[in-house]
Protein backbone atom coordinates (compact mmCIF):
# COMPACT_ATOMS: atom_id res chain seq x y z
CA UNK A 1 -50.47 -25.43 -49.06
CA UNK A 2 -51.63 -24.69 -45.54
CA UNK A 3 -49.23 -21.79 -45.30
CA UNK A 4 -50.37 -20.37 -48.66
CA UNK A 5 -53.94 -20.12 -47.31
CA UNK A 6 -52.73 -18.41 -44.15
CA UNK A 7 -54.27 -15.05 -43.29
CA UNK A 8 -51.65 -13.17 -41.29
CA UNK A 9 -52.95 -11.58 -38.09
CA UNK A 10 -52.83 -7.79 -37.95
CA UNK A 11 -52.90 -7.51 -34.17
CA UNK A 12 -52.33 -9.55 -31.02
CA UNK A 13 -54.53 -9.65 -27.94
CA UNK A 14 -52.73 -9.23 -24.63
CA UNK A 15 -53.61 -10.86 -21.33
CA UNK A 16 -54.60 -8.70 -18.39
CA UNK A 17 -54.09 -9.32 -14.69
CA UNK A 18 -57.73 -9.55 -13.72
CA UNK A 19 -61.26 -8.90 -14.96
CA UNK A 20 -62.31 -7.12 -11.77
CA UNK A 21 -62.63 -3.40 -12.45
CA UNK A 22 -61.77 -2.36 -8.89
CA UNK A 23 -58.59 -4.43 -8.91
CA UNK A 24 -57.71 -3.02 -12.33
CA UNK A 25 -58.04 0.49 -10.96
CA UNK A 26 -55.83 -0.32 -7.98
CA UNK A 27 -53.22 -1.90 -10.25
CA UNK A 28 -53.35 1.16 -12.50
CA UNK A 29 -52.51 3.43 -9.56
CA UNK A 30 -49.81 1.06 -8.30
CA UNK A 31 -48.07 0.75 -11.68
CA UNK A 32 -48.45 4.47 -12.40
CA UNK A 33 -46.79 5.29 -9.08
CA UNK A 34 -44.02 2.79 -9.82
CA UNK A 35 -43.42 4.35 -13.24
CA UNK A 36 -43.37 7.89 -11.86
CA UNK A 37 -40.91 6.90 -9.12
CA UNK A 38 -38.76 5.25 -11.79
CA UNK A 39 -38.75 8.39 -13.96
CA UNK A 40 -37.99 10.75 -11.07
CA UNK A 41 -35.25 8.52 -9.65
CA UNK A 42 -33.58 8.04 -13.02
CA UNK A 43 -33.72 11.73 -13.94
CA UNK A 44 -32.14 12.62 -10.59
CA UNK A 45 -29.36 10.09 -11.12
CA UNK A 46 -28.67 11.29 -14.66
CA UNK A 47 -28.59 14.91 -13.49
CA UNK A 48 -26.30 14.03 -10.59
CA UNK A 49 -23.83 11.96 -12.62
CA UNK A 50 -21.94 14.95 -14.14
CA UNK A 51 -21.05 15.97 -10.57
CA UNK A 52 -19.42 12.56 -9.98
CA UNK A 53 -15.89 12.20 -11.30
CA UNK A 54 -15.61 8.43 -11.61
CA UNK A 55 -15.99 5.98 -14.50
CA UNK A 56 -18.50 4.02 -12.42
CA UNK A 57 -20.97 6.89 -12.65
CA UNK A 58 -20.53 7.19 -16.38
CA UNK A 59 -21.78 3.61 -16.53
CA UNK A 60 -24.47 4.46 -13.99
CA UNK A 61 -25.85 7.30 -16.11
CA UNK A 62 -26.13 4.97 -19.10
CA UNK A 63 -27.71 2.26 -16.94
CA UNK A 64 -30.29 4.79 -15.77
CA UNK A 65 -31.05 5.77 -19.37
CA UNK A 66 -31.46 2.12 -20.39
CA UNK A 67 -33.76 1.48 -17.42
CA UNK A 68 -35.89 4.48 -18.38
CA UNK A 69 -36.22 3.24 -21.96
CA UNK A 70 -36.91 -0.34 -20.86
CA UNK A 71 -39.69 0.73 -18.51
CA UNK A 72 -41.20 3.19 -21.01
CA UNK A 73 -41.48 0.52 -23.72
CA UNK A 74 -43.89 -1.49 -21.55
CA UNK A 75 -45.52 0.56 -18.79
CA UNK A 76 -47.48 3.28 -20.67
CA UNK A 77 -49.08 0.67 -22.95
CA UNK A 78 -49.92 -1.51 -19.97
CA UNK A 79 -51.52 1.42 -18.13
CA UNK A 80 -53.73 2.14 -21.15
CA UNK A 81 -54.75 -1.52 -21.36
CA UNK A 82 -55.67 -1.62 -17.67
CA UNK A 83 -58.29 1.05 -18.32
CA UNK A 84 -59.50 -0.44 -21.63
CA UNK A 85 -61.85 -3.32 -22.35
CA UNK A 86 -59.89 -4.35 -25.44
CA UNK A 87 -56.27 -5.19 -24.70
CA UNK A 88 -54.44 -5.52 -28.00
CA UNK A 89 -51.36 -4.40 -29.90
CA UNK A 90 -50.85 -4.06 -33.66
CA UNK A 91 -48.45 -6.43 -35.38
CA UNK A 92 -46.08 -3.55 -36.24
CA UNK A 93 -46.18 -2.33 -32.65
CA UNK A 94 -45.45 -5.84 -31.44
CA UNK A 95 -42.41 -6.11 -33.69
CA UNK A 96 -41.15 -2.72 -32.49
CA UNK A 97 -41.65 -3.76 -28.87
CA UNK A 98 -39.69 -6.99 -29.39
CA UNK A 99 -36.84 -5.08 -31.05
CA UNK A 100 -36.56 -2.44 -28.32
CA UNK A 101 -36.90 -4.87 -25.42
CA UNK A 102 -34.21 -7.16 -26.82
CA UNK A 103 -32.00 -4.17 -27.56
CA UNK A 104 -32.16 -2.59 -24.11
CA UNK A 105 -32.31 -5.92 -22.25
CA UNK A 106 -28.95 -7.11 -23.60
CA UNK A 107 -27.51 -3.59 -23.36
CA UNK A 108 -28.25 -3.64 -19.63
CA UNK A 109 -26.59 -7.05 -19.29
CA UNK A 110 -23.36 -5.74 -20.77
CA UNK A 111 -23.51 -2.47 -18.85
CA UNK A 112 -23.75 -4.47 -15.62
CA UNK A 113 -20.81 -6.58 -16.82
CA UNK A 114 -18.81 -3.41 -17.57
CA UNK A 115 -19.59 -2.09 -14.09
CA UNK A 116 -18.42 -5.39 -12.59
CA UNK A 117 -15.15 -5.06 -14.52
CA UNK A 118 -14.82 -1.50 -13.23
CA UNK A 119 -15.14 -2.74 -9.63
CA UNK A 120 -12.64 -5.52 -10.36
CA UNK A 121 -9.99 -3.08 -11.59
CA UNK A 122 -10.69 -0.64 -8.74
CA UNK A 123 -10.28 -3.27 -6.01
CA UNK A 124 -7.83 -5.78 -7.48
CA UNK A 125 -5.57 -3.32 -9.37
CA UNK A 126 -6.13 0.10 -7.78
CA UNK A 127 -2.81 1.57 -9.01
CA UNK A 128 -3.71 0.75 -12.62
CA UNK A 129 -7.29 2.01 -12.31
CA UNK A 130 -6.76 5.51 -13.79
CA UNK A 131 -4.90 4.02 -16.74
CA UNK A 132 -7.17 1.03 -17.44
CA UNK A 133 -10.48 2.83 -16.90
CA UNK A 134 -9.55 5.87 -18.97
CA UNK A 135 -12.40 7.81 -20.65
CA UNK A 136 -11.65 6.15 -24.00
CA UNK A 137 -11.98 2.67 -22.49
CA UNK A 138 -15.22 3.59 -20.72
CA UNK A 139 -16.66 4.95 -23.96
CA UNK A 140 -15.70 1.76 -25.78
CA UNK A 141 -17.31 -0.43 -23.10
CA UNK A 142 -20.55 1.54 -23.19
CA UNK A 143 -20.61 1.69 -27.00
CA UNK A 144 -19.94 -2.04 -27.13
CA UNK A 145 -22.86 -2.65 -24.77
CA UNK A 146 -25.24 -0.76 -27.06
CA UNK A 147 -23.80 -2.54 -30.09
CA UNK A 148 -24.41 -5.95 -28.52
CA UNK A 149 -27.96 -4.88 -27.69
CA UNK A 150 -28.54 -3.63 -31.23
CA UNK A 151 -27.22 -6.88 -32.69
CA UNK A 152 -29.54 -8.91 -30.48
CA UNK A 153 -32.54 -6.70 -31.23
CA UNK A 154 -32.02 -6.91 -34.99
CA UNK A 155 -31.48 -10.67 -34.87
CA UNK A 156 -34.65 -11.34 -32.87
CA UNK A 157 -36.69 -8.93 -35.02
CA UNK A 158 -35.54 -10.53 -38.28
CA UNK A 159 -36.32 -13.92 -36.78
CA UNK A 160 -39.83 -12.81 -35.81
CA UNK A 161 -40.51 -11.32 -39.25
CA UNK A 162 -40.14 -14.78 -40.80
CA UNK A 163 -42.88 -16.29 -38.62
CA UNK A 164 -46.52 -16.68 -39.65
CA UNK A 165 -49.42 -16.21 -37.24
CA UNK A 166 -52.60 -17.67 -38.69
CA UNK A 167 -54.69 -19.06 -35.84
CA UNK A 168 -54.32 -17.94 -32.25
CA UNK A 169 -53.20 -14.37 -31.63
CA UNK A 170 -53.55 -14.31 -27.84
CA UNK A 171 -50.33 -13.58 -25.92
CA UNK A 172 -50.45 -14.59 -22.26
CA UNK A 173 -48.48 -11.51 -21.23
CA UNK A 174 -49.10 -7.76 -21.09
CA UNK A 175 -46.45 -7.09 -23.76
CA UNK A 176 -44.84 -8.80 -26.76
CA UNK A 177 -41.92 -11.10 -26.05
CA UNK A 178 -40.00 -13.44 -28.34
CA UNK A 179 -40.69 -16.77 -26.62
CA UNK A 180 -44.52 -16.47 -26.50
CA UNK A 181 -44.56 -15.32 -30.14
CA UNK A 182 -42.54 -18.34 -31.24
CA UNK A 183 -45.03 -20.58 -29.43
CA UNK A 184 -47.94 -18.86 -31.21
CA UNK A 185 -46.46 -19.18 -34.69
CA UNK A 186 -48.03 -21.60 -37.15
CA UNK A 187 -44.88 -21.78 -39.31
CA UNK A 188 -41.64 -23.68 -38.80
CA UNK A 189 -39.97 -22.15 -35.74
CA UNK A 190 -36.70 -24.11 -35.83
CA UNK A 191 -34.60 -21.19 -37.08
CA UNK A 192 -36.22 -18.77 -34.62
CA UNK A 193 -35.53 -21.09 -31.69
CA UNK A 194 -31.92 -21.52 -32.82
CA UNK A 195 -31.47 -17.73 -33.01
CA UNK A 196 -33.09 -17.27 -29.59
CA UNK A 197 -30.91 -19.95 -27.98
CA UNK A 198 -27.75 -18.71 -29.69
CA UNK A 199 -28.40 -15.12 -28.62
CA UNK A 200 -29.04 -16.18 -25.04
CA UNK A 201 -25.82 -18.20 -25.02
CA UNK A 202 -23.61 -15.60 -26.69
CA UNK A 203 -24.92 -12.45 -25.03
CA UNK A 204 -26.55 -13.52 -21.77
CA UNK A 205 -24.09 -16.18 -20.65
CA UNK A 206 -21.00 -14.19 -21.67
CA UNK A 207 -22.11 -11.12 -19.70
CA UNK A 208 -22.92 -13.27 -16.66
CA UNK A 209 -19.48 -14.91 -16.85
CA UNK A 210 -17.80 -11.49 -16.80
CA UNK A 211 -19.76 -10.60 -13.64
CA UNK A 212 -19.01 -13.94 -11.95
CA UNK A 213 -15.28 -13.97 -12.77
CA UNK A 214 -14.93 -10.32 -11.71
CA UNK A 215 -16.55 -10.93 -8.34
CA UNK A 216 -14.60 -14.14 -7.74
CA UNK A 217 -11.39 -12.11 -8.05
CA UNK A 218 -12.88 -9.28 -6.00
CA UNK A 219 -13.85 -11.63 -3.15
CA UNK A 220 -10.42 -13.27 -3.22
CA UNK A 221 -8.74 -9.85 -3.01
CA UNK A 222 -11.01 -8.65 -0.20
CA UNK A 223 -10.35 -11.81 1.83
CA UNK A 224 -6.60 -11.23 1.48
CA UNK A 225 -6.89 -7.81 3.19
CA UNK A 226 -5.66 -8.04 6.78
CA UNK A 227 -7.77 -5.42 8.55
CA UNK A 228 -11.51 -5.82 9.05
CA UNK A 229 -11.98 -2.11 8.33
CA UNK A 230 -10.20 -2.49 4.99
CA UNK A 231 -12.37 -5.44 4.07
CA UNK A 232 -15.57 -3.55 4.89
CA UNK A 233 -14.42 -0.46 2.97
CA UNK A 234 -13.52 -2.50 -0.12
CA UNK A 235 -16.75 -4.49 -0.05
CA UNK A 236 -18.88 -1.38 0.50
CA UNK A 237 -17.83 -0.08 -2.94
CA UNK A 238 -19.49 -3.15 -4.52
CA UNK A 239 -22.71 -3.47 -2.54
CA UNK A 240 -24.85 -1.24 -4.75
CA UNK A 241 -23.77 -2.93 -7.97
CA UNK A 242 -23.99 -6.42 -6.45
CA UNK A 243 -27.53 -5.70 -5.24
CA UNK A 244 -28.55 -4.44 -8.69
CA UNK A 245 -27.03 -7.48 -10.42
CA UNK A 246 -28.74 -9.88 -8.02
CA UNK A 247 -32.18 -8.33 -8.58
CA UNK A 248 -31.80 -8.08 -12.36
CA UNK A 249 -30.49 -11.58 -13.00
CA UNK A 250 -32.64 -13.15 -10.30
CA UNK A 251 -35.81 -11.77 -11.90
CA UNK A 252 -34.68 -12.64 -15.43
CA UNK A 253 -33.74 -16.21 -14.44
CA UNK A 254 -37.14 -16.74 -12.83
CA UNK A 255 -38.87 -15.30 -15.89
CA UNK A 256 -37.00 -17.17 -18.64
CA UNK A 257 -35.50 -20.31 -17.13
CA UNK A 258 -38.41 -21.73 -15.16
CA UNK A 259 -41.10 -23.26 -17.39
CA UNK A 260 -44.61 -21.90 -16.94
CA UNK A 261 -47.73 -23.94 -16.42
CA UNK A 262 -51.41 -23.18 -16.28
CA UNK A 263 -51.33 -23.09 -12.49
CA UNK A 264 -48.34 -20.74 -12.36
CA UNK A 265 -49.27 -18.19 -15.03
CA UNK A 266 -50.42 -15.66 -12.42
CA UNK A 267 -47.08 -15.93 -10.63
CA UNK A 268 -45.29 -15.66 -13.98
CA UNK A 269 -46.96 -12.32 -14.69
CA UNK A 270 -45.80 -10.93 -11.36
CA UNK A 271 -42.29 -12.19 -12.05
CA UNK A 272 -42.44 -10.26 -15.33
CA UNK A 273 -43.59 -7.15 -13.42
CA UNK A 274 -40.56 -7.54 -11.15
CA UNK A 275 -38.26 -7.84 -14.16
CA UNK A 276 -39.72 -5.10 -16.35
CA UNK A 277 -41.01 -2.50 -13.86
CA UNK A 278 -39.73 -2.99 -10.32
CA UNK A 279 -36.08 -3.56 -11.23
CA UNK A 280 -35.76 -0.29 -13.24
CA UNK A 281 -37.37 1.51 -10.28
CA UNK A 282 -35.06 -0.04 -7.69
CA UNK A 283 -31.79 0.62 -9.53
CA UNK A 284 -31.69 4.42 -9.00
CA UNK A 285 -33.01 4.02 -5.45
CA UNK A 286 -30.28 1.51 -4.59
CA UNK A 287 -27.50 3.77 -5.84
CA UNK A 288 -29.06 6.88 -4.30
CA UNK A 289 -29.66 5.43 -0.85
CA UNK A 290 -26.56 3.22 -0.49
CA UNK A 291 -23.87 5.41 -1.99
CA UNK A 292 -22.43 8.40 -0.12
CA UNK A 293 -20.97 9.96 -3.27
CA UNK A 294 -24.38 9.97 -4.97
CA UNK A 295 -25.98 11.51 -1.89
CA UNK A 296 -23.34 14.23 -1.80
CA UNK A 297 -23.76 14.92 -5.53
CA UNK A 298 -27.51 15.24 -5.07
CA UNK A 299 -26.98 17.72 -2.24
CA UNK A 300 -24.67 19.82 -4.43
CA UNK A 301 -27.17 19.62 -7.29
CA UNK A 302 -30.00 20.82 -5.04
CA UNK A 303 -27.88 23.68 -3.73
CA UNK A 304 -27.12 24.78 -7.29
CA UNK A 305 -30.83 24.80 -8.06
């Protein structure tokens, strides 16, 4: 009977970083600059990718696109909220945000896994690389990544649509995420928690395993190389991707695996900033600054312009 008398909330209130107006203004400028750097870096990478004739950069262009979408889902709304007294999001907007974040989050996981497999084939089986990483295979890997993301996004969205929110509507984040919404729900959340755990196990763990197994074989192959110069050359082809993977999974592990408490909520919000804003900004910078081929492609692109 309690559920029949439930009045479903039409909007959720979002938590800010601080109530101090000066600090809010400084954060607005900081996050705006971060977002602009992200957009510029990603656009440059996407424009440079056609000048790079390697499957790795086909994956890189898609990774840049996913990062741009991921950052755009959160940052503009957060910038508006920083300059507004009322920080809220409509129920429909919250559902859309959950769907898109889960879609692009898992898509990025599988793109990083595909890039790890690309490095594995290039280093461990270089003679087979042109055959294995043919354009058709690359297209299938990228399409599969988006399909896995779409499956996860639809599953989490359907799960959220079955929940009721009757009492508290305050989310202790600056965007809508599945876990906080499940905690807020006044209905039975067993099915939603099962879907969340299953999705994390199937999609998250499987993509991580691909990365780990690929790099175990890569390290074993590199160590078997006799010359120090050969080892350095082989490892240098992986440094950009390995750095990106470490930042992405490190931030996501800190965000989702470590339980939050009242004393650590401020730190949690900054961990979320690292995961949702800083990581998409760093990815194009890492590949631009650490990769000679990207630098050369950018030079050719600038000369054309």
